[in-house]
Structures are given as structure tokens and as C-alpha cells.
């Protein structure tokens, strides 16, 4: 696998990491996958785990209502920024928007509802070594203090495998997480070159000089692919990531003996 991916990524600027795991055989390949990366929106996958765990324990419920305030609205991804203050939305609305549209406003509402300490407690309990939620999204003061949200490709791969193995809190929550990830609307990386009939459940992350995509590609034997880049040329790297995803898909299909 390194012979497939390394020639594509070797000339990219910044720190590039990747994690591949065949979910049928357990075949695993990785590069710089067990170190922290600035997470951007990939942290939302860990927040989803924490919200589901909170609902499983009765700390909150999917039908709980939150009231959108003007001060809650954040720029960039999502729908809530364009909706009117005073709108009542459910926790379920928020976590679906957080994943499918990468809605930043919905994400902060969820963090505030369950608590940052709770999110990190769940992250730690899941054994995610390089993942931490250290600030709300778009908290410029915290960012200036050096408080950043982090993840690693291997950590993201572990979360995705939990979904596949139905241990993402429980079987029922795993199935819901899988369904939401498959409705992802940001499709310019893992999704771009793989044939449309192949389902993909994934979560992207983007910011200045940062681009990631982590997901499960549901070939005849599904595989996990987590791609991360910090301090990079985003346009160039995303073109390479599209090619990496395609090559990994072709590799897995050719190796499938079913």
C-alpha cells in the first residue's frame, strides 16, 4: 500500500498522514497516523460519539429542544447561520446537521449542551490517544492561547471501525451514525472519483492550510481510509487525496476474493 500512496503524496507540502484498514482481513497500512493533527471539522466525529453516549445514559434526549440565538451563529459551513433567531431545533437536528453539512453552529450548540469535559471524558474512554476537544469552534481567544482541537488518522479509523463493528456506544447508535455519515454532502475528496454506486460514509475537515477526510468505503469488503494534512497546499492536496482514495478502492477490489 505504501508503494501505491507514497508516490502520490511524497511531494505534498506540510505534514501528511494516512491510515488504511481492510475491515474483512484486518490488513492495515499507515503513515504518520499516530500523531496529533489540527482537527478542523473531523473533531465532529468524536463529538457525535459523546452526544450519543450522553443520550444512551439519559443525560439528554434526541428530542430535547434548543433555541437558536443570533449570537450562536457561526460562519462557513452549515444551514443554521441562515435561519432566524428563536428557531427551535432538536438535538437530533443538530447532530445530523453537524455531520451532513458540517454545521459549525450546530456543533457548538451540542458542545454547550453536553459539556466539553464530557466530550473529552468519552474520547478518553474510547482510547483515542491523540484526539482532544480544547475549544469551541471559532473561539479566537482560545485559539490565540494555543488551545486547538486535535485528532489522528488512527484515532479516526478506530471510531469508524467502532461504527462498523456496532460498538459506537451500541448497535442502534452505530447504525444511526453510519446512516448519517452516508448522507454526507461534502463530496470533493474520498467521494469524488469512486464509482457512485459504492456507498461511502465519511467526515471531512477543512481550514486554512488544513484538509482531511476520513471514512468507510463500502466495497464488496469495506475498508477504512483516513487522510490528513496540516500546513499544506489545500487545492493540490485535495487533488492527491482524490487519487489516493481511487487507488485504495482499486487495490481493495482487486484483492477481494469473495
C-alpha atoms as a PDB file:
ATOM      1  CA  UNK A   1       0.000   0.000   0.000  1.00  0.00           C
ATOM      2  CA  UNK A   2       2.871   2.396   0.728  1.00  0.00           C
ATOM      3  CA  UNK A   3       4.055   1.813  -2.839  1.00  0.00           C
ATOM      4  CA  UNK A   4       0.653   2.980  -4.036  1.00  0.00           C
ATOM      5  CA  UNK A   5       0.223   6.027  -1.812  1.00  0.00           C
ATOM      6  CA  UNK A   6       3.747   7.339  -1.217  1.00  0.00           C
ATOM      7  CA  UNK A   7       4.464   8.305  -4.859  1.00  0.00           C
ATOM      8  CA  UNK A   8       1.273  10.398  -4.820  1.00  0.00           C
ATOM      9  CA  UNK A   9       1.886  12.158  -1.506  1.00  0.00           C
ATOM     10  CA  UNK A  10       5.683  12.482  -1.298  1.00  0.00           C
ATOM     11  CA  UNK A  11       5.832  15.951  -2.875  1.00  0.00           C
ATOM     12  CA  UNK A  12       2.981  17.497  -0.901  1.00  0.00           C
ATOM     13  CA  UNK A  13       3.751  20.373   1.437  1.00  0.00           C
ATOM     14  CA  UNK A  14       3.192  20.031   5.163  1.00  0.00           C
ATOM     15  CA  UNK A  15       2.519  17.011   7.338  1.00  0.00           C
ATOM     16  CA  UNK A  16       0.596  14.253   5.564  1.00  0.00           C
ATOM     17  CA  UNK A  17      -0.788  11.207   7.323  1.00  0.00           C
ATOM     18  CA  UNK A  18      -2.940   8.311   6.249  1.00  0.00           C
ATOM     19  CA  UNK A  19      -4.490   5.167   7.672  1.00  0.00           C
ATOM     20  CA  UNK A  20      -5.922   2.246   5.669  1.00  0.00           C
ATOM     21  CA  UNK A  21      -7.649  -0.769   7.200  1.00  0.00           C
ATOM     22  CA  UNK A  22      -9.384  -3.593   5.370  1.00  0.00           C
ATOM     23  CA  UNK A  23     -12.375  -4.476   7.529  1.00  0.00           C
ATOM     24  CA  UNK A  24     -12.582  -8.038   6.252  1.00  0.00           C
ATOM     25  CA  UNK A  25      -8.995  -9.189   6.667  1.00  0.00           C
ATOM     26  CA  UNK A  26      -7.669  -6.623   9.120  1.00  0.00           C
ATOM     27  CA  UNK A  27      -4.867  -5.671   6.715  1.00  0.00           C
ATOM     28  CA  UNK A  28      -3.615  -2.300   7.924  1.00  0.00           C
ATOM     29  CA  UNK A  29      -1.211   0.254   6.461  1.00  0.00           C
ATOM     30  CA  UNK A  30      -0.415   3.700   7.795  1.00  0.00           C
ATOM     31  CA  UNK A  31       1.947   6.640   7.598  1.00  0.00           C
ATOM     32  CA  UNK A  32       2.297   9.323  10.280  1.00  0.00           C
ATOM     33  CA  UNK A  33      -1.107   8.183  11.504  1.00  0.00           C
ATOM     34  CA  UNK A  34      -0.432   8.201  15.271  1.00  0.00           C
ATOM     35  CA  UNK A  35       0.375  11.814  15.970  1.00  0.00           C
ATOM     36  CA  UNK A  36      -1.878  14.828  16.565  1.00  0.00           C
ATOM     37  CA  UNK A  37      -3.178  16.921  13.686  1.00  0.00           C
ATOM     38  CA  UNK A  38      -5.197  20.111  13.914  1.00  0.00           C
ATOM     39  CA  UNK A  39      -8.616  18.565  13.557  1.00  0.00           C
ATOM     40  CA  UNK A  40     -10.812  21.152  11.858  1.00  0.00           C
ATOM     41  CA  UNK A  41     -14.235  19.541  11.376  1.00  0.00           C
ATOM     42  CA  UNK A  42     -13.084  15.947  11.809  1.00  0.00           C
ATOM     43  CA  UNK A  43     -13.445  16.574  15.568  1.00  0.00           C
ATOM     44  CA  UNK A  44     -17.202  16.398  14.934  1.00  0.00           C
ATOM     45  CA  UNK A  45     -16.999  12.611  14.658  1.00  0.00           C
ATOM     46  CA  UNK A  46     -15.779  12.442  18.269  1.00  0.00           C
ATOM     47  CA  UNK A  47     -18.455  14.922  19.344  1.00  0.00           C
ATOM     48  CA  UNK A  48     -21.045  12.644  17.742  1.00  0.00           C
ATOM     49  CA  UNK A  49     -19.782   9.751  19.870  1.00  0.00           C
ATOM     50  CA  UNK A  50     -20.036  11.883  23.019  1.00  0.00           C
ATOM     51  CA  UNK A  51     -23.561  13.086  22.208  1.00  0.00           C
ATOM     52  CA  UNK A  52     -24.715   9.525  21.541  1.00  0.00           C
ATOM     53  CA  UNK A  53     -23.139   8.363  24.808  1.00  0.00           C
ATOM     54  CA  UNK A  54     -24.903  11.170  26.672  1.00  0.00           C
ATOM     55  CA  UNK A  55     -28.243  10.155  25.164  1.00  0.00           C
ATOM     56  CA  UNK A  56     -27.589   6.492  25.919  1.00  0.00           C
ATOM     57  CA  UNK A  57     -27.081   7.408  29.578  1.00  0.00           C
ATOM     58  CA  UNK A  58     -30.139   9.651  29.709  1.00  0.00           C
ATOM     59  CA  UNK A  59     -28.214  12.894  30.162  1.00  0.00           C
ATOM     60  CA  UNK A  60     -30.149  14.305  27.220  1.00  0.00           C
ATOM     61  CA  UNK A  61     -32.553  13.097  24.550  1.00  0.00           C
ATOM     62  CA  UNK A  62     -32.743  13.376  20.778  1.00  0.00           C
ATOM     63  CA  UNK A  63     -35.984  15.404  21.034  1.00  0.00           C
ATOM     64  CA  UNK A  64     -34.590  17.964  23.509  1.00  0.00           C
ATOM     65  CA  UNK A  65     -35.157  21.471  22.165  1.00  0.00           C
ATOM     66  CA  UNK A  66     -32.517  24.139  21.707  1.00  0.00           C
ATOM     67  CA  UNK A  67     -33.333  27.737  20.794  1.00  0.00           C
ATOM     68  CA  UNK A  68     -31.134  29.322  18.137  1.00  0.00           C
ATOM     69  CA  UNK A  69     -29.879  32.773  19.086  1.00  0.00           C
ATOM     70  CA  UNK A  70     -28.217  35.305  16.804  1.00  0.00           C
ATOM     71  CA  UNK A  71     -25.075  35.083  18.942  1.00  0.00           C
ATOM     72  CA  UNK A  72     -24.885  31.331  18.287  1.00  0.00           C
ATOM     73  CA  UNK A  73     -24.431  31.736  14.542  1.00  0.00           C
ATOM     74  CA  UNK A  74     -21.036  30.916  13.070  1.00  0.00           C
ATOM     75  CA  UNK A  75     -19.670  31.465   9.568  1.00  0.00           C
ATOM     76  CA  UNK A  76     -18.814  28.972   6.873  1.00  0.00           C
ATOM     77  CA  UNK A  77     -20.359  25.512   6.756  1.00  0.00           C
ATOM     78  CA  UNK A  78     -23.937  24.742   7.648  1.00  0.00           C
ATOM     79  CA  UNK A  79     -27.536  25.874   7.431  1.00  0.00           C
ATOM     80  CA  UNK A  80     -28.327  27.394  10.828  1.00  0.00           C
ATOM     81  CA  UNK A  81     -26.426  30.610  10.100  1.00  0.00           C
ATOM     82  CA  UNK A  82     -29.106  31.485   7.541  1.00  0.00           C
ATOM     83  CA  UNK A  83     -32.103  30.689   9.752  1.00  0.00           C
ATOM     84  CA  UNK A  84     -33.969  33.037  12.063  1.00  0.00           C
ATOM     85  CA  UNK A  85     -33.170  33.592  15.750  1.00  0.00           C
ATOM     86  CA  UNK A  86     -35.702  31.974  18.041  1.00  0.00           C
ATOM     87  CA  UNK A  87     -35.897  28.846  15.897  1.00  0.00           C
ATOM     88  CA  UNK A  88     -36.350  25.702  17.999  1.00  0.00           C
ATOM     89  CA  UNK A  89     -34.224  22.778  16.897  1.00  0.00           C
ATOM     90  CA  UNK A  90     -33.794  19.342  18.409  1.00  0.00           C
ATOM     91  CA  UNK A  91     -30.569  17.644  19.431  1.00  0.00           C
ATOM     92  CA  UNK A  92     -31.182  15.232  16.560  1.00  0.00           C
ATOM     93  CA  UNK A  93     -31.419  18.149  14.130  1.00  0.00           C
ATOM     94  CA  UNK A  94     -28.097  19.432  15.457  1.00  0.00           C
ATOM     95  CA  UNK A  95     -26.106  16.222  15.252  1.00  0.00           C
ATOM     96  CA  UNK A  96     -27.419  15.439  11.787  1.00  0.00           C
ATOM     97  CA  UNK A  97     -26.505  18.925  10.557  1.00  0.00           C
ATOM     98  CA  UNK A  98     -23.112  18.690  12.289  1.00  0.00           C
ATOM     99  CA  UNK A  99     -22.178  15.695  10.127  1.00  0.00           C
ATOM    100  CA  UNK A 100     -24.065  16.011   6.841  1.00  0.00           C
ATOM    101  CA  UNK A 101     -23.446  19.751   6.337  1.00  0.00           C
ATOM    102  CA  UNK A 102     -20.580  20.141   8.845  1.00  0.00           C
ATOM    103  CA  UNK A 103     -22.696  22.825  10.509  1.00  0.00           C
ATOM    104  CA  UNK A 104     -20.483  24.794  12.896  1.00  0.00           C
ATOM    105  CA  UNK A 105     -23.356  26.468  14.732  1.00  0.00           C
ATOM    106  CA  UNK A 106     -24.987  23.096  15.413  1.00  0.00           C
ATOM    107  CA  UNK A 107     -21.648  21.761  16.647  1.00  0.00           C
ATOM    108  CA  UNK A 108     -21.149  24.467  19.246  1.00  0.00           C
ATOM    109  CA  UNK A 109     -24.740  24.084  20.432  1.00  0.00           C
ATOM    110  CA  UNK A 110     -24.065  20.387  21.010  1.00  0.00           C
ATOM    111  CA  UNK A 111     -20.780  21.016  22.836  1.00  0.00           C
ATOM    112  CA  UNK A 112     -22.507  23.515  25.104  1.00  0.00           C
ATOM    113  CA  UNK A 113     -25.362  21.101  25.726  1.00  0.00           C
ATOM    114  CA  UNK A 114     -23.291  18.069  26.784  1.00  0.00           C
ATOM    115  CA  UNK A 115     -20.197  19.932  28.021  1.00  0.00           C
ATOM    116  CA  UNK A 116     -16.625  19.989  26.796  1.00  0.00           C
ATOM    117  CA  UNK A 117     -15.441  17.958  29.783  1.00  0.00           C
ATOM    118  CA  UNK A 118     -17.970  15.251  28.914  1.00  0.00           C
ATOM    119  CA  UNK A 119     -16.795  15.115  25.312  1.00  0.00           C
ATOM    120  CA  UNK A 120     -13.193  14.659  26.433  1.00  0.00           C
ATOM    121  CA  UNK A 121     -14.182  12.058  29.012  1.00  0.00           C
ATOM    122  CA  UNK A 122     -15.870   9.990  26.292  1.00  0.00           C
ATOM    123  CA  UNK A 123     -12.910  10.497  23.954  1.00  0.00           C
ATOM    124  CA  UNK A 124     -10.543   9.230  26.644  1.00  0.00           C
ATOM    125  CA  UNK A 125     -12.778   6.264  27.472  1.00  0.00           C
ATOM    126  CA  UNK A 126     -12.758   5.281  23.801  1.00  0.00           C
ATOM    127  CA  UNK A 127      -8.969   5.089  23.873  1.00  0.00           C
ATOM    128  CA  UNK A 128      -8.354   7.884  21.375  1.00  0.00           C
ATOM    129  CA  UNK A 129      -4.761   8.811  22.130  1.00  0.00           C
ATOM    130  CA  UNK A 130      -4.376  11.960  20.049  1.00  0.00           C
ATOM    131  CA  UNK A 131      -7.909  13.347  19.992  1.00  0.00           C
ATOM    132  CA  UNK A 132      -8.960  16.210  22.241  1.00  0.00           C
ATOM    133  CA  UNK A 133     -11.589  18.937  22.215  1.00  0.00           C
ATOM    134  CA  UNK A 134      -9.886  22.021  23.640  1.00  0.00           C
ATOM    135  CA  UNK A 135     -12.158  24.823  22.457  1.00  0.00           C
ATOM    136  CA  UNK A 136     -15.424  25.709  20.795  1.00  0.00           C
ATOM    137  CA  UNK A 137     -15.312  26.271  17.055  1.00  0.00           C
ATOM    138  CA  UNK A 138     -14.368  29.820  16.046  1.00  0.00           C
ATOM    139  CA  UNK A 139     -13.191  30.675  19.575  1.00  0.00           C
ATOM    140  CA  UNK A 140     -10.463  33.104  18.513  1.00  0.00           C
ATOM    141  CA  UNK A 141      -9.395  33.911  22.077  1.00  0.00           C
ATOM    142  CA  UNK A 142      -8.807  30.251  22.904  1.00  0.00           C
ATOM    143  CA  UNK A 143      -7.031  29.797  19.586  1.00  0.00           C
ATOM    144  CA  UNK A 144      -4.694  32.707  20.356  1.00  0.00           C
ATOM    145  CA  UNK A 145      -3.877  30.944  23.632  1.00  0.00           C
ATOM    146  CA  UNK A 146      -2.803  27.878  21.646  1.00  0.00           C
ATOM    147  CA  UNK A 147      -5.826  25.751  22.520  1.00  0.00           C
ATOM    148  CA  UNK A 148      -6.575  23.625  19.461  1.00  0.00           C
ATOM    149  CA  UNK A 149      -8.748  20.605  18.726  1.00  0.00           C
ATOM    150  CA  UNK A 150      -6.755  17.588  17.618  1.00  0.00           C
ATOM    151  CA  UNK A 151      -7.168  14.116  16.140  1.00  0.00           C
ATOM    152  CA  UNK A 152      -5.083  11.477  14.415  1.00  0.00           C
ATOM    153  CA  UNK A 153      -5.859   9.323  11.368  1.00  0.00           C
ATOM    154  CA  UNK A 154      -5.537   6.190  13.519  1.00  0.00           C
ATOM    155  CA  UNK A 155      -7.980   7.606  16.092  1.00  0.00           C
ATOM    156  CA  UNK A 156     -10.477   8.425  13.361  1.00  0.00           C
ATOM    157  CA  UNK A 157     -10.016   4.923  11.991  1.00  0.00           C
ATOM    158  CA  UNK A 158     -10.805   3.490  15.407  1.00  0.00           C
ATOM    159  CA  UNK A 159     -14.058   5.469  15.606  1.00  0.00           C
ATOM    160  CA  UNK A 160     -15.064   4.334  12.139  1.00  0.00           C
ATOM    161  CA  UNK A 161     -14.312   0.723  12.975  1.00  0.00           C
ATOM    162  CA  UNK A 162     -16.454   1.083  16.098  1.00  0.00           C
ATOM    163  CA  UNK A 163     -19.317   2.140  13.837  1.00  0.00           C
ATOM    164  CA  UNK A 164     -18.714  -0.824  11.537  1.00  0.00           C
ATOM    165  CA  UNK A 165     -18.424  -3.306  14.435  1.00  0.00           C
ATOM    166  CA  UNK A 166     -21.564  -1.791  16.047  1.00  0.00           C
ATOM    167  CA  UNK A 167     -19.715  -0.659  19.200  1.00  0.00           C
ATOM    168  CA  UNK A 168     -20.151   3.086  18.652  1.00  0.00           C
ATOM    169  CA  UNK A 169     -21.972   3.260  22.022  1.00  0.00           C
ATOM    170  CA  UNK A 170     -24.399   0.500  20.929  1.00  0.00           C
ATOM    171  CA  UNK A 171     -25.662  -1.294  17.837  1.00  0.00           C
ATOM    172  CA  UNK A 172     -28.556   1.136  17.464  1.00  0.00           C
ATOM    173  CA  UNK A 173     -26.368   4.240  17.756  1.00  0.00           C
ATOM    174  CA  UNK A 174     -23.813   2.687  15.397  1.00  0.00           C
ATOM    175  CA  UNK A 175     -26.485   2.172  12.754  1.00  0.00           C
ATOM    176  CA  UNK A 176     -27.638   5.764  13.154  1.00  0.00           C
ATOM    177  CA  UNK A 177     -24.076   7.078  12.898  1.00  0.00           C
ATOM    178  CA  UNK A 178     -23.489   5.009   9.767  1.00  0.00           C
ATOM    179  CA  UNK A 179     -26.663   6.323   8.143  1.00  0.00           C
ATOM    180  CA  UNK A 180     -25.757   9.940   8.912  1.00  0.00           C
ATOM    181  CA  UNK A 181     -22.205   9.592   7.586  1.00  0.00           C
ATOM    182  CA  UNK A 182     -23.560   8.110   4.365  1.00  0.00           C
ATOM    183  CA  UNK A 183     -25.619  11.285   3.871  1.00  0.00           C
ATOM    184  CA  UNK A 184     -22.500  13.469   3.912  1.00  0.00           C
ATOM    185  CA  UNK A 185     -22.941  16.352   1.461  1.00  0.00           C
ATOM    186  CA  UNK A 186     -19.284  17.432   1.178  1.00  0.00           C
ATOM    187  CA  UNK A 187     -18.011  15.087  -1.511  1.00  0.00           C
ATOM    188  CA  UNK A 188     -14.895  16.558  -3.088  1.00  0.00           C
ATOM    189  CA  UNK A 189     -12.299  14.163  -1.635  1.00  0.00           C
ATOM    190  CA  UNK A 190     -12.935  10.476  -0.787  1.00  0.00           C
ATOM    191  CA  UNK A 191     -16.205  10.500  -2.703  1.00  0.00           C
ATOM    192  CA  UNK A 192     -15.070  12.301  -5.860  1.00  0.00           C
ATOM    193  CA  UNK A 193     -13.587   9.548  -8.083  1.00  0.00           C
ATOM    194  CA  UNK A 194     -15.005   6.357  -6.596  1.00  0.00           C
ATOM    195  CA  UNK A 195     -17.959   4.964  -8.599  1.00  0.00           C
ATOM    196  CA  UNK A 196     -21.287   6.411  -7.479  1.00  0.00           C
ATOM    197  CA  UNK A 197     -22.802   3.004  -6.777  1.00  0.00           C
ATOM    198  CA  UNK A 198     -20.251   2.424  -3.996  1.00  0.00           C
ATOM    199  CA  UNK A 199     -21.613   3.852  -0.704  1.00  0.00           C
ATOM    200  CA  UNK A 200     -19.242   5.927   1.411  1.00  0.00           C
ATOM    201  CA  UNK A 201     -19.769   7.143   4.968  1.00  0.00           C
ATOM    202  CA  UNK A 202     -17.309   9.879   5.834  1.00  0.00           C
ATOM    203  CA  UNK A 203     -16.488  13.172   7.550  1.00  0.00           C
ATOM    204  CA  UNK A 204     -14.389  15.935   6.080  1.00  0.00           C
ATOM    205  CA  UNK A 205     -12.361  18.699   7.703  1.00  0.00           C
ATOM    206  CA  UNK A 206     -11.070  21.918   6.175  1.00  0.00           C
ATOM    207  CA  UNK A 207      -9.434  25.142   7.338  1.00  0.00           C
ATOM    208  CA  UNK A 208      -6.601  27.390   6.262  1.00  0.00           C
ATOM    209  CA  UNK A 209      -3.755  25.084   5.152  1.00  0.00           C
ATOM    210  CA  UNK A 210      -5.668  22.067   6.524  1.00  0.00           C
ATOM    211  CA  UNK A 211      -7.634  19.348   4.750  1.00  0.00           C
ATOM    212  CA  UNK A 212      -8.826  15.927   5.916  1.00  0.00           C
ATOM    213  CA  UNK A 213     -11.300  13.224   5.007  1.00  0.00           C
ATOM    214  CA  UNK A 214     -11.985  10.055   6.989  1.00  0.00           C
ATOM    215  CA  UNK A 215     -14.463   7.362   6.091  1.00  0.00           C
ATOM    216  CA  UNK A 216     -15.595   3.846   5.309  1.00  0.00           C
ATOM    217  CA  UNK A 217     -15.767   2.841   1.642  1.00  0.00           C
ATOM    218  CA  UNK A 218     -18.325   0.070   1.230  1.00  0.00           C
ATOM    219  CA  UNK A 219     -16.762  -2.079  -1.450  1.00  0.00           C
ATOM    220  CA  UNK A 220     -17.554  -5.809  -1.509  1.00  0.00           C
ATOM    221  CA  UNK A 221     -15.294  -5.924   1.533  1.00  0.00           C
ATOM    222  CA  UNK A 222     -15.396  -2.479   3.182  1.00  0.00           C
ATOM    223  CA  UNK A 223     -12.261  -0.582   4.137  1.00  0.00           C
ATOM    224  CA  UNK A 224     -11.408   2.464   6.186  1.00  0.00           C
ATOM    225  CA  UNK A 225      -9.373   5.305   4.731  1.00  0.00           C
ATOM    226  CA  UNK A 226      -8.349   8.316   6.807  1.00  0.00           C
ATOM    227  CA  UNK A 227      -6.376  11.109   5.152  1.00  0.00           C
ATOM    228  CA  UNK A 228      -4.953  14.119   6.992  1.00  0.00           C
ATOM    229  CA  UNK A 229      -2.874  17.135   6.022  1.00  0.00           C
ATOM    230  CA  UNK A 230      -1.676  20.087   8.096  1.00  0.00           C
ATOM    231  CA  UNK A 231       0.318  23.044   6.795  1.00  0.00           C
ATOM    232  CA  UNK A 232      -0.365  22.092   3.204  1.00  0.00           C
ATOM    233  CA  UNK A 233      -1.458  23.472  -0.148  1.00  0.00           C
ATOM    234  CA  UNK A 234      -5.133  22.558   0.146  1.00  0.00           C
ATOM    235  CA  UNK A 235      -6.013  22.580  -3.556  1.00  0.00           C
ATOM    236  CA  UNK A 236      -3.046  20.397  -4.527  1.00  0.00           C
ATOM    237  CA  UNK A 237      -3.520  18.057  -1.579  1.00  0.00           C
ATOM    238  CA  UNK A 238      -7.212  17.508  -2.217  1.00  0.00           C
ATOM    239  CA  UNK A 239      -6.449  16.517  -5.805  1.00  0.00           C
ATOM    240  CA  UNK A 240      -3.941  13.980  -4.478  1.00  0.00           C
ATOM    241  CA  UNK A 241      -6.405  12.735  -1.863  1.00  0.00           C
ATOM    242  CA  UNK A 242      -8.931  12.029  -4.618  1.00  0.00           C
ATOM    243  CA  UNK A 243      -6.341   9.921  -6.418  1.00  0.00           C
ATOM    244  CA  UNK A 244      -5.328   8.125  -3.213  1.00  0.00           C
ATOM    245  CA  UNK A 245      -8.942   7.185  -2.496  1.00  0.00           C
ATOM    246  CA  UNK A 246      -9.388   5.862  -6.033  1.00  0.00           C
ATOM    247  CA  UNK A 247      -6.183   3.794  -5.873  1.00  0.00           C
ATOM    248  CA  UNK A 248      -7.154   2.346  -2.481  1.00  0.00           C
ATOM    249  CA  UNK A 249     -10.574   1.433  -3.855  1.00  0.00           C
ATOM    250  CA  UNK A 250      -8.992  -0.289  -6.870  1.00  0.00           C
ATOM    251  CA  UNK A 251      -6.473  -2.098  -4.641  1.00  0.00           C
ATOM    252  CA  UNK A 252      -9.198  -3.393  -2.335  1.00  0.00           C
ATOM    253  CA  UNK A 253     -11.444  -4.507  -5.173  1.00  0.00           C
ATOM    254  CA  UNK A 254      -8.595  -6.391  -6.833  1.00  0.00           C
ATOM    255  CA  UNK A 255      -7.637  -8.090  -3.566  1.00  0.00           C
ATOM    256  CA  UNK A 256     -11.209  -9.156  -2.822  1.00  0.00           C
ATOM    257  CA  UNK A 257     -11.553 -12.926  -3.120  1.00  0.00           C
ATOM    258  CA  UNK A 258     -15.284 -13.071  -2.490  1.00  0.00           C
END
